[in-house]
Every structure is written in structure tokens, then in C-alpha cells.
Amino acid sequence: MRRGSDEQPHGAPRPHGLVEAQLPLDHAPYEALVTAALARTNPT
């Protein structure tokens, strides 16, 4: 988890959707991976 305040200098809130590495979570590619993984009934 992120340590410290959720505010940047000058009181500006940090953007939501960021993790420790300060990278935005990219929903679409992972949802596509989830869909592909769950759709495979006989993976080889």
C-alpha cells in the first residue's frame, strides 16, 4: 500500500486509480485476458 498522505505538495489530491508504482490501472487489456482465459474450455 501507498505510504504517506494521499495529497501531493500544495494540497492537490493524487489522481485515483494509481498504485505504488504510480502507474494507472489499465482495465481493458486485463479484462480481455480474463475473458480469454475463462472462455477456454479445453486449453492445450
All heavy atoms as atom14 arrays in JSON, in Angstrom:
{
  "sequence": "MRRGSDEQPHGAPRPHGLVEAQLPLDHAPYEALVTAALARTNPT",
  "atom14_mask": [
    [1, 1, 1, 1, 1, 1, 1, 1, 0, 0, 0, 0, 0, 0],
    [1, 1, 1, 1, 1, 1, 1, 1, 1, 1, 1, 0, 0, 0],
    [1, 1, 1, 1, 1, 1, 1, 1, 1, 1, 1, 0, 0, 0],
    [1, 1, 1, 1, 0, 0, 0, 0, 0, 0, 0, 0, 0, 0],
    [1, 1, 1, 1, 1, 1, 0, 0, 0, 0, 0, 0, 0, 0],
    [1, 1, 1, 1, 1, 1, 1, 1, 0, 0, 0, 0, 0, 0],
    [1, 1, 1, 1, 1, 1, 1, 1, 1, 0, 0, 0, 0, 0],
    [1, 1, 1, 1, 1, 1, 1, 1, 1, 0, 0, 0, 0, 0],
    [1, 1, 1, 1, 1, 1, 1, 0, 0, 0, 0, 0, 0, 0],
    [1, 1, 1, 1, 1, 1, 1, 1, 1, 1, 0, 0, 0, 0],
    [1, 1, 1, 1, 0, 0, 0, 0, 0, 0, 0, 0, 0, 0],
    [1, 1, 1, 1, 1, 0, 0, 0, 0, 0, 0, 0, 0, 0],
    [1, 1, 1, 1, 1, 1, 1, 0, 0, 0, 0, 0, 0, 0],
    [1, 1, 1, 1, 1, 1, 1, 1, 1, 1, 1, 0, 0, 0],
    [1, 1, 1, 1, 1, 1, 1, 0, 0, 0, 0, 0, 0, 0],
    [1, 1, 1, 1, 1, 1, 1, 1, 1, 1, 0, 0, 0, 0],
    [1, 1, 1, 1, 0, 0, 0, 0, 0, 0, 0, 0, 0, 0],
    [1, 1, 1, 1, 1, 1, 1, 1, 0, 0, 0, 0, 0, 0],
    [1, 1, 1, 1, 1, 1, 1, 0, 0, 0, 0, 0, 0, 0],
    [1, 1, 1, 1, 1, 1, 1, 1, 1, 0, 0, 0, 0, 0],
    [1, 1, 1, 1, 1, 0, 0, 0, 0, 0, 0, 0, 0, 0],
    [1, 1, 1, 1, 1, 1, 1, 1, 1, 0, 0, 0, 0, 0],
    [1, 1, 1, 1, 1, 1, 1, 1, 0, 0, 0, 0, 0, 0],
    [1, 1, 1, 1, 1, 1, 1, 0, 0, 0, 0, 0, 0, 0],
    [1, 1, 1, 1, 1, 1, 1, 1, 0, 0, 0, 0, 0, 0],
    [1, 1, 1, 1, 1, 1, 1, 1, 0, 0, 0, 0, 0, 0],
    [1, 1, 1, 1, 1, 1, 1, 1, 1, 1, 0, 0, 0, 0],
    [1, 1, 1, 1, 1, 0, 0, 0, 0, 0, 0, 0, 0, 0],
    [1, 1, 1, 1, 1, 1, 1, 0, 0, 0, 0, 0, 0, 0],
    [1, 1, 1, 1, 1, 1, 1, 1, 1, 1, 1, 1, 0, 0],
    [1, 1, 1, 1, 1, 1, 1, 1, 1, 0, 0, 0, 0, 0],
    [1, 1, 1, 1, 1, 0, 0, 0, 0, 0, 0, 0, 0, 0],
    [1, 1, 1, 1, 1, 1, 1, 1, 0, 0, 0, 0, 0, 0],
    [1, 1, 1, 1, 1, 1, 1, 0, 0, 0, 0, 0, 0, 0],
    [1, 1, 1, 1, 1, 1, 1, 0, 0, 0, 0, 0, 0, 0],
    [1, 1, 1, 1, 1, 0, 0, 0, 0, 0, 0, 0, 0, 0],
    [1, 1, 1, 1, 1, 0, 0, 0, 0, 0, 0, 0, 0, 0],
    [1, 1, 1, 1, 1, 1, 1, 1, 0, 0, 0, 0, 0, 0],
    [1, 1, 1, 1, 1, 0, 0, 0, 0, 0, 0, 0, 0, 0],
    [1, 1, 1, 1, 1, 1, 1, 1, 1, 1, 1, 0, 0, 0],
    [1, 1, 1, 1, 1, 1, 1, 0, 0, 0, 0, 0, 0, 0],
    [1, 1, 1, 1, 1, 1, 1, 1, 0, 0, 0, 0, 0, 0],
    [1, 1, 1, 1, 1, 1, 1, 0, 0, 0, 0, 0, 0, 0],
    [1, 1, 1, 1, 1, 1, 1, 0, 0, 0, 0, 0, 0, 0]
  ],
  "atom14_positions": [
    [[0.82, -1.18, 0.0], [0.0, 0.0, 0.0], [0.87, 1.24, 0.0], [2.0, 1.22, 0.44], [-0.89, 0.01, 1.24], [-2.08, -0.87, 1.11], [-3.32, -0.27, 2.23], [-3.57, -1.72, 3.17], [0.0, 0.0, 0.0], [0.0, 0.0, 0.0], [0.0, 0.0, 0.0], [0.0, 0.0, 0.0], [0.0, 0.0, 0.0], [0.0, 0.0, 0.0]],
    [[0.28, 2.31, -0.45], [0.98, 3.58, -0.51], [1.19, 4.1, 0.91], [0.31, 4.07, 1.73], [0.15, 4.56, -1.31], [0.86, 5.88, -1.5], [0.03, 6.82, -2.3], [-0.12, 6.28, -3.63], [-1.22, 6.44, -4.35], [-2.24, 7.09, -3.88], [-1.3, 5.93, -5.54], [0.0, 0.0, 0.0], [0.0, 0.0, 0.0], [0.0, 0.0, 0.0]],
    [[2.36, 4.6, 1.17], [2.65, 5.17, 2.48], [2.52, 6.68, 2.38], [2.78, 7.28, 1.35], [4.06, 4.79, 2.91], [4.17, 3.33, 3.23], [5.61, 3.01, 3.62], [5.73, 1.66, 4.03], [5.92, 0.64, 3.22], [6.0, 0.83, 1.94], [6.02, -0.59, 3.67], [0.0, 0.0, 0.0], [0.0, 0.0, 0.0], [0.0, 0.0, 0.0]],
    [[2.14, 7.27, 3.46], [2.09, 8.72, 3.49], [0.74, 9.26, 3.09], [-0.24, 8.54, 2.99], [0.0, 0.0, 0.0], [0.0, 0.0, 0.0], [0.0, 0.0, 0.0], [0.0, 0.0, 0.0], [0.0, 0.0, 0.0], [0.0, 0.0, 0.0], [0.0, 0.0, 0.0], [0.0, 0.0, 0.0], [0.0, 0.0, 0.0], [0.0, 0.0, 0.0]],
    [[0.71, 10.52, 2.82], [-0.53, 11.22, 2.52], [-1.01, 10.94, 1.11], [-0.23, 10.6, 0.23], [-0.3, 12.72, 2.69], [-1.39, 13.44, 2.2], [0.0, 0.0, 0.0], [0.0, 0.0, 0.0], [0.0, 0.0, 0.0], [0.0, 0.0, 0.0], [0.0, 0.0, 0.0], [0.0, 0.0, 0.0], [0.0, 0.0, 0.0], [0.0, 0.0, 0.0]],
    [[-2.31, 11.1, 0.89], [-2.89, 10.99, -0.43], [-2.86, 12.33, -1.15], [-3.49, 12.49, -2.18], [-4.32, 10.48, -0.36], [-4.43, 9.01, -0.68], [-3.43, 8.41, -1.08], [-5.53, 8.5, -0.53], [0.0, 0.0, 0.0], [0.0, 0.0, 0.0], [0.0, 0.0, 0.0], [0.0, 0.0, 0.0], [0.0, 0.0, 0.0], [0.0, 0.0, 0.0]],
    [[-2.13, 13.28, -0.6], [-2.07, 14.58, -1.23], [-0.65, 14.85, -1.7], [0.33, 14.43, -1.1], [-2.52, 15.67, -0.27], [-3.98, 15.59, 0.07], [-4.45, 16.83, 0.79], [-3.62, 17.66, 1.19], [-5.65, 16.94, 0.95], [0.0, 0.0, 0.0], [0.0, 0.0, 0.0], [0.0, 0.0, 0.0], [0.0, 0.0, 0.0], [0.0, 0.0, 0.0]],
    [[-0.6, 15.55, -2.8], [0.67, 15.99, -3.34], [1.0, 17.34, -2.71], [0.19, 17.92, -2.01], [0.56, 16.13, -4.85], [0.3, 14.82, -5.55], [0.16, 15.01, -7.04], [0.2, 16.12, -7.55], [-0.01, 13.93, -7.75], [0.0, 0.0, 0.0], [0.0, 0.0, 0.0], [0.0, 0.0, 0.0], [0.0, 0.0, 0.0], [0.0, 0.0, 0.0]],
    [[2.19, 17.86, -2.97], [2.51, 19.19, -2.47], [1.44, 20.18, -2.91], [0.81, 20.03, -3.94], [3.86, 19.5, -3.13], [4.46, 18.16, -3.42], [3.3, 17.26, -3.69], [0.0, 0.0, 0.0], [0.0, 0.0, 0.0], [0.0, 0.0, 0.0], [0.0, 0.0, 0.0], [0.0, 0.0, 0.0], [0.0, 0.0, 0.0], [0.0, 0.0, 0.0]],
    [[1.22, 21.18, -2.14], [0.24, 22.23, -2.39], [-1.18, 21.74, -2.19], [-2.12, 22.37, -2.66], [0.4, 22.85, -3.77], [1.81, 23.26, -4.09], [2.46, 24.27, -3.41], [2.71, 22.76, -4.97], [3.69, 24.39, -3.89], [3.87, 23.48, -4.82], [0.0, 0.0, 0.0], [0.0, 0.0, 0.0], [0.0, 0.0, 0.0], [0.0, 0.0, 0.0]],
    [[-1.38, 20.59, -1.55], [-2.72, 20.12, -1.22], [-3.49, 19.51, -2.35], [-4.66, 19.17, -2.2], [0.0, 0.0, 0.0], [0.0, 0.0, 0.0], [0.0, 0.0, 0.0], [0.0, 0.0, 0.0], [0.0, 0.0, 0.0], [0.0, 0.0, 0.0], [0.0, 0.0, 0.0], [0.0, 0.0, 0.0], [0.0, 0.0, 0.0], [0.0, 0.0, 0.0]],
    [[-2.92, 19.32, -3.53], [-3.65, 18.73, -4.65], [-3.79, 17.23, -4.42], [-2.82, 16.56, -4.09], [-2.9, 18.99, -5.96], [0.0, 0.0, 0.0], [0.0, 0.0, 0.0], [0.0, 0.0, 0.0], [0.0, 0.0, 0.0], [0.0, 0.0, 0.0], [0.0, 0.0, 0.0], [0.0, 0.0, 0.0], [0.0, 0.0, 0.0], [0.0, 0.0, 0.0]],
    [[-5.01, 16.68, -4.55], [-5.17, 15.25, -4.35], [-4.48, 14.46, -5.46], [-4.37, 14.93, -6.59], [-6.68, 15.04, -4.39], [-7.2, 16.22, -5.13], [-6.25, 17.34, -4.9], [0.0, 0.0, 0.0], [0.0, 0.0, 0.0], [0.0, 0.0, 0.0], [0.0, 0.0, 0.0], [0.0, 0.0, 0.0], [0.0, 0.0, 0.0], [0.0, 0.0, 0.0]],
    [[-4.0, 13.29, -5.1], [-3.4, 12.41, -6.1], [-4.5, 11.85, -6.97], [-5.6, 11.6, -6.51], [-2.66, 11.26, -5.43], [-1.43, 11.71, -4.72], [-0.7, 10.53, -4.15], [0.36, 11.04, -3.3], [1.47, 10.41, -3.07], [1.68, 9.23, -3.57], [2.39, 10.93, -2.31], [0.0, 0.0, 0.0], [0.0, 0.0, 0.0], [0.0, 0.0, 0.0]],
    [[-4.21, 11.61, -8.25], [-5.22, 11.02, -9.12], [-5.6, 9.62, -8.63], [-4.76, 8.88, -8.13], [-4.53, 10.93, -10.48], [-3.33, 11.8, -10.38], [-2.98, 11.92, -8.94], [0.0, 0.0, 0.0], [0.0, 0.0, 0.0], [0.0, 0.0, 0.0], [0.0, 0.0, 0.0], [0.0, 0.0, 0.0], [0.0, 0.0, 0.0], [0.0, 0.0, 0.0]],
    [[-6.87, 9.28, -8.75], [-7.32, 7.94, -8.36], [-6.92, 6.92, -9.41], [-6.7, 7.26, -10.56], [-8.84, 7.93, -8.17], [-9.26, 8.75, -6.99], [-9.06, 8.34, -5.69], [-9.84, 9.96, -6.9], [-9.51, 9.25, -4.87], [-9.99, 10.25, -5.57], [0.0, 0.0, 0.0], [0.0, 0.0, 0.0], [0.0, 0.0, 0.0], [0.0, 0.0, 0.0]],
    [[-6.86, 5.64, -9.01], [-6.53, 4.56, -9.93], [-5.04, 4.32, -10.04], [-4.58, 3.68, -10.97], [0.0, 0.0, 0.0], [0.0, 0.0, 0.0], [0.0, 0.0, 0.0], [0.0, 0.0, 0.0], [0.0, 0.0, 0.0], [0.0, 0.0, 0.0], [0.0, 0.0, 0.0], [0.0, 0.0, 0.0], [0.0, 0.0, 0.0], [0.0, 0.0, 0.0]],
    [[-4.26, 4.84, -9.11], [-2.83, 4.65, -9.15], [-2.41, 3.69, -8.05], [-3.03, 3.62, -7.01], [-2.1, 5.97, -8.95], [-2.39, 7.05, -9.98], [-1.61, 8.31, -9.65], [-2.06, 6.59, -11.37], [0.0, 0.0, 0.0], [0.0, 0.0, 0.0], [0.0, 0.0, 0.0], [0.0, 0.0, 0.0], [0.0, 0.0, 0.0], [0.0, 0.0, 0.0]],
    [[-1.35, 2.95, -8.31], [-0.82, 2.02, -7.33], [0.57, 2.49, -6.93], [1.03, 3.53, -7.37], [-0.78, 0.57, -7.88], [-2.19, 0.07, -8.1], [0.02, 0.47, -9.15], [0.0, 0.0, 0.0], [0.0, 0.0, 0.0], [0.0, 0.0, 0.0], [0.0, 0.0, 0.0], [0.0, 0.0, 0.0], [0.0, 0.0, 0.0], [0.0, 0.0, 0.0]],
    [[1.24, 1.69, -6.12], [2.54, 2.1, -5.59], [3.49, 2.59, -6.67], [4.23, 3.52, -6.46], [3.23, 0.94, -4.85], [2.52, 0.43, -3.65], [1.64, -0.75, -3.97], [1.54, -1.15, -5.12], [1.04, -1.28, -3.03], [0.0, 0.0, 0.0], [0.0, 0.0, 0.0], [0.0, 0.0, 0.0], [0.0, 0.0, 0.0], [0.0, 0.0, 0.0]],
    [[3.47, 1.97, -7.82], [4.39, 2.34, -8.89], [3.97, 3.62, -9.6], [4.64, 4.06, -10.52], [4.51, 1.19, -9.9], [0.0, 0.0, 0.0], [0.0, 0.0, 0.0], [0.0, 0.0, 0.0], [0.0, 0.0, 0.0], [0.0, 0.0, 0.0], [0.0, 0.0, 0.0], [0.0, 0.0, 0.0], [0.0, 0.0, 0.0], [0.0, 0.0, 0.0]],
    [[2.84, 4.22, -9.18], [2.34, 5.44, -9.78], [1.94, 5.24, -11.24], [2.03, 6.15, -12.05], [3.37, 6.57, -9.66], [3.72, 6.92, -8.24], [2.54, 7.49, -7.47], [1.8, 8.29, -7.99], [2.34, 7.05, -6.25], [0.0, 0.0, 0.0], [0.0, 0.0, 0.0], [0.0, 0.0, 0.0], [0.0, 0.0, 0.0], [0.0, 0.0, 0.0]],
    [[1.5, 4.06, -11.6], [1.02, 3.77, -12.95], [-0.49, 3.57, -12.91], [-1.0, 2.93, -12.01], [1.68, 2.48, -13.48], [3.2, 2.51, -13.59], [3.72, 1.13, -13.97], [3.63, 3.53, -14.61], [0.0, 0.0, 0.0], [0.0, 0.0, 0.0], [0.0, 0.0, 0.0], [0.0, 0.0, 0.0], [0.0, 0.0, 0.0], [0.0, 0.0, 0.0]],
    [[-1.21, 4.11, -13.89], [-2.66, 3.9, -13.9], [-2.98, 2.44, -14.22], [-2.29, 1.8, -15.0], [-3.15, 4.84, -14.99], [-1.97, 5.11, -15.85], [-0.75, 4.93, -14.98], [0.0, 0.0, 0.0], [0.0, 0.0, 0.0], [0.0, 0.0, 0.0], [0.0, 0.0, 0.0], [0.0, 0.0, 0.0], [0.0, 0.0, 0.0], [0.0, 0.0, 0.0]],
    [[-4.04, 1.95, -13.59], [-4.5, 0.6, -13.9], [-5.18, 0.64, -15.26], [-6.02, 1.49, -15.51], [-5.49, 0.12, -12.83], [-4.9, -0.04, -11.44], [-5.99, -0.41, -10.44], [-3.82, -1.1, -11.45], [0.0, 0.0, 0.0], [0.0, 0.0, 0.0], [0.0, 0.0, 0.0], [0.0, 0.0, 0.0], [0.0, 0.0, 0.0], [0.0, 0.0, 0.0]],
    [[-4.8, -0.27, -16.14], [-5.37, -0.31, -17.49], [-6.35, -1.47, -17.54], [-5.96, -2.62, -17.71], [-4.25, -0.46, -18.51], [-4.7, -0.13, -19.9], [-5.9, 0.18, -20.1], [-3.86, -0.19, -20.82], [0.0, 0.0, 0.0], [0.0, 0.0, 0.0], [0.0, 0.0, 0.0], [0.0, 0.0, 0.0], [0.0, 0.0, 0.0], [0.0, 0.0, 0.0]],
    [[-7.6, -1.15, -17.37], [-8.68, -2.12, -17.23], [-8.84, -3.02, -18.47], [-8.94, -4.24, -18.35], [-9.96, -1.34, -16.96], [-11.1, -2.16, -16.48], [-11.85, -1.79, -15.4], [-11.65, -3.31, -16.92], [-12.8, -2.67, -15.2], [-12.7, -3.59, -16.1], [0.0, 0.0, 0.0], [0.0, 0.0, 0.0], [0.0, 0.0, 0.0], [0.0, 0.0, 0.0]],
    [[-8.89, -2.44, -19.65], [-9.26, -3.16, -20.88], [-8.39, -4.38, -21.19], [-8.93, -5.47, -21.44], [-9.29, -2.19, -22.06], [0.0, 0.0, 0.0], [0.0, 0.0, 0.0], [0.0, 0.0, 0.0], [0.0, 0.0, 0.0], [0.0, 0.0, 0.0], [0.0, 0.0, 0.0], [0.0, 0.0, 0.0], [0.0, 0.0, 0.0], [0.0, 0.0, 0.0]],
    [[-7.07, -4.28, -21.2], [-6.28, -5.47, -21.56], [-6.45, -6.62, -20.57], [-6.45, -7.78, -20.96], [-4.84, -4.99, -21.56], [-4.85, -3.54, -21.4], [-6.22, -3.11, -21.02], [0.0, 0.0, 0.0], [0.0, 0.0, 0.0], [0.0, 0.0, 0.0], [0.0, 0.0, 0.0], [0.0, 0.0, 0.0], [0.0, 0.0, 0.0], [0.0, 0.0, 0.0]],
    [[-6.63, -6.29, -19.29], [-6.78, -7.35, -18.3], [-8.16, -7.97, -18.35], [-8.3, -9.17, -18.13], [-6.4, -6.83, -16.91], [-4.91, -6.64, -16.83], [-4.34, -5.4, -17.06], [-4.07, -7.71, -16.62], [-2.97, -5.23, -17.04], [-2.7, -7.56, -16.61], [-2.15, -6.32, -16.82], [-0.79, -6.17, -16.82], [0.0, 0.0, 0.0], [0.0, 0.0, 0.0]],
    [[-9.17, -7.17, -18.65], [-10.5, -7.76, -18.84], [-10.49, -8.67, -20.06], [-11.12, -9.73, -20.05], [-11.57, -6.68, -18.96], [-11.99, -6.11, -17.64], [-12.68, -7.11, -16.72], [-13.35, -8.05, -17.2], [-12.53, -6.97, -15.5], [0.0, 0.0, 0.0], [0.0, 0.0, 0.0], [0.0, 0.0, 0.0], [0.0, 0.0, 0.0], [0.0, 0.0, 0.0]],
    [[-9.76, -8.3, -21.11], [-9.65, -9.15, -22.3], [-8.93, -10.45, -21.95], [-9.34, -11.53, -22.39], [-8.92, -8.41, -23.41], [0.0, 0.0, 0.0], [0.0, 0.0, 0.0], [0.0, 0.0, 0.0], [0.0, 0.0, 0.0], [0.0, 0.0, 0.0], [0.0, 0.0, 0.0], [0.0, 0.0, 0.0], [0.0, 0.0, 0.0], [0.0, 0.0, 0.0]],
    [[-7.88, -10.36, -21.14], [-7.16, -11.56, -20.71], [-8.07, -12.46, -19.87], [-8.1, -13.68, -20.05], [-5.91, -11.18, -19.92], [-5.1, -12.34, -19.34], [-4.55, -13.23, -20.44], [-3.99, -11.82, -18.46], [0.0, 0.0, 0.0], [0.0, 0.0, 0.0], [0.0, 0.0, 0.0], [0.0, 0.0, 0.0], [0.0, 0.0, 0.0], [0.0, 0.0, 0.0]],
    [[-8.84, -11.85, -18.96], [-9.77, -12.61, -18.12], [-10.79, -13.32, -19.0], [-11.05, -14.51, -18.84], [-10.47, -11.67, -17.1], [-11.68, -12.33, -16.48], [-9.48, -11.24, -16.04], [0.0, 0.0, 0.0], [0.0, 0.0, 0.0], [0.0, 0.0, 0.0], [0.0, 0.0, 0.0], [0.0, 0.0, 0.0], [0.0, 0.0, 0.0], [0.0, 0.0, 0.0]],
    [[-11.37, -12.6, -19.94], [-12.37, -13.18, -20.83], [-11.78, -14.33, -21.63], [-12.39, -15.4, -21.74], [-12.93, -12.1, -21.79], [-13.51, -11.06, -20.99], [-13.96, -12.67, -22.73], [0.0, 0.0, 0.0], [0.0, 0.0, 0.0], [0.0, 0.0, 0.0], [0.0, 0.0, 0.0], [0.0, 0.0, 0.0], [0.0, 0.0, 0.0], [0.0, 0.0, 0.0]],
    [[-10.59, -14.14, -22.17], [-9.94, -15.19, -22.96], [-9.62, -16.42, -22.09], [-9.85, -17.55, -22.5], [-8.66, -14.66, -23.6], [0.0, 0.0, 0.0], [0.0, 0.0, 0.0], [0.0, 0.0, 0.0], [0.0, 0.0, 0.0], [0.0, 0.0, 0.0], [0.0, 0.0, 0.0], [0.0, 0.0, 0.0], [0.0, 0.0, 0.0], [0.0, 0.0, 0.0]],
    [[-9.12, -16.18, -20.89], [-8.76, -17.3, -20.01], [-9.98, -18.09, -19.6], [-9.96, -19.33, -19.56], [-8.03, -16.79, -18.77], [0.0, 0.0, 0.0], [0.0, 0.0, 0.0], [0.0, 0.0, 0.0], [0.0, 0.0, 0.0], [0.0, 0.0, 0.0], [0.0, 0.0, 0.0], [0.0, 0.0, 0.0], [0.0, 0.0, 0.0], [0.0, 0.0, 0.0]],
    [[-11.07, -17.4, -19.31], [-12.28, -18.09, -18.85], [-13.06, -18.72, -19.99], [-13.83, -19.65, -19.77], [-13.16, -17.13, -18.06], [-12.55, -16.61, -16.76], [-13.46, -15.6, -16.1], [-12.22, -17.76, -15.82], [0.0, 0.0, 0.0], [0.0, 0.0, 0.0], [0.0, 0.0, 0.0], [0.0, 0.0, 0.0], [0.0, 0.0, 0.0], [0.0, 0.0, 0.0]],
    [[-12.85, -18.26, -21.22], [-13.57, -18.81, -22.37], [-12.97, -20.12, -22.85], [-13.65, -20.9, -23.51], [-13.58, -17.8, -23.51], [0.0, 0.0, 0.0], [0.0, 0.0, 0.0], [0.0, 0.0, 0.0], [0.0, 0.0, 0.0], [0.0, 0.0, 0.0], [0.0, 0.0, 0.0], [0.0, 0.0, 0.0], [0.0, 0.0, 0.0], [0.0, 0.0, 0.0]],
    [[-11.75, -20.38, -22.5], [-11.08, -21.6, -22.98], [-11.58, -22.79, -22.19], [-11.36, -22.9, -21.0], [-9.57, -21.47, -22.83], [-9.07, -20.29, -23.63], [-7.73, -20.4, -24.2], [-7.25, -21.69, -24.55], [-6.77, -21.99, -25.75], [-6.78, -21.1, -26.69], [-6.28, -23.18, -25.98], [0.0, 0.0, 0.0], [0.0, 0.0, 0.0], [0.0, 0.0, 0.0]],
    [[-12.29, -23.69, -22.88], [-12.82, -24.86, -22.2], [-11.88, -26.05, -22.3], [-11.92, -26.94, -21.46], [-14.19, -25.25, -22.8], [-14.04, -25.46, -24.2], [-15.21, -24.16, -22.53], [0.0, 0.0, 0.0], [0.0, 0.0, 0.0], [0.0, 0.0, 0.0], [0.0, 0.0, 0.0], [0.0, 0.0, 0.0], [0.0, 0.0, 0.0], [0.0, 0.0, 0.0]],
    [[-11.06, -26.1, -23.32], [-10.12, -27.21, -23.48], [-8.76, -26.64, -23.86], [-8.27, -26.87, -24.96], [-10.63, -28.18, -24.55], [-9.79, -29.44, -24.59], [-9.0, -29.7, -23.69], [-9.94, -30.22, -25.64], [0.0, 0.0, 0.0], [0.0, 0.0, 0.0], [0.0, 0.0, 0.0], [0.0, 0.0, 0.0], [0.0, 0.0, 0.0], [0.0, 0.0, 0.0]],
    [[-8.13, -25.9, -22.95], [-6.85, -25.28, -23.28], [-5.74, -26.31, -23.47], [-5.68, -27.3, -22.75], [-6.56, -24.37, -22.09], [-7.47, -24.8, -21.01], [-8.57, -25.6, -21.62], [0.0, 0.0, 0.0], [0.0, 0.0, 0.0], [0.0, 0.0, 0.0], [0.0, 0.0, 0.0], [0.0, 0.0, 0.0], [0.0, 0.0, 0.0], [0.0, 0.0, 0.0]],
    [[-4.93, -26.09, -24.47], [-3.86, -27.04, -24.78], [-2.53, -26.3, -24.95], [-1.83, -26.53, -25.92], [-4.19, -27.82, -26.07], [-4.43, -26.87, -27.11], [-5.39, -28.71, -25.89], [0.0, 0.0, 0.0], [0.0, 0.0, 0.0], [0.0, 0.0, 0.0], [0.0, 0.0, 0.0], [0.0, 0.0, 0.0], [0.0, 0.0, 0.0], [0.0, 0.0, 0.0]]
  ]
}
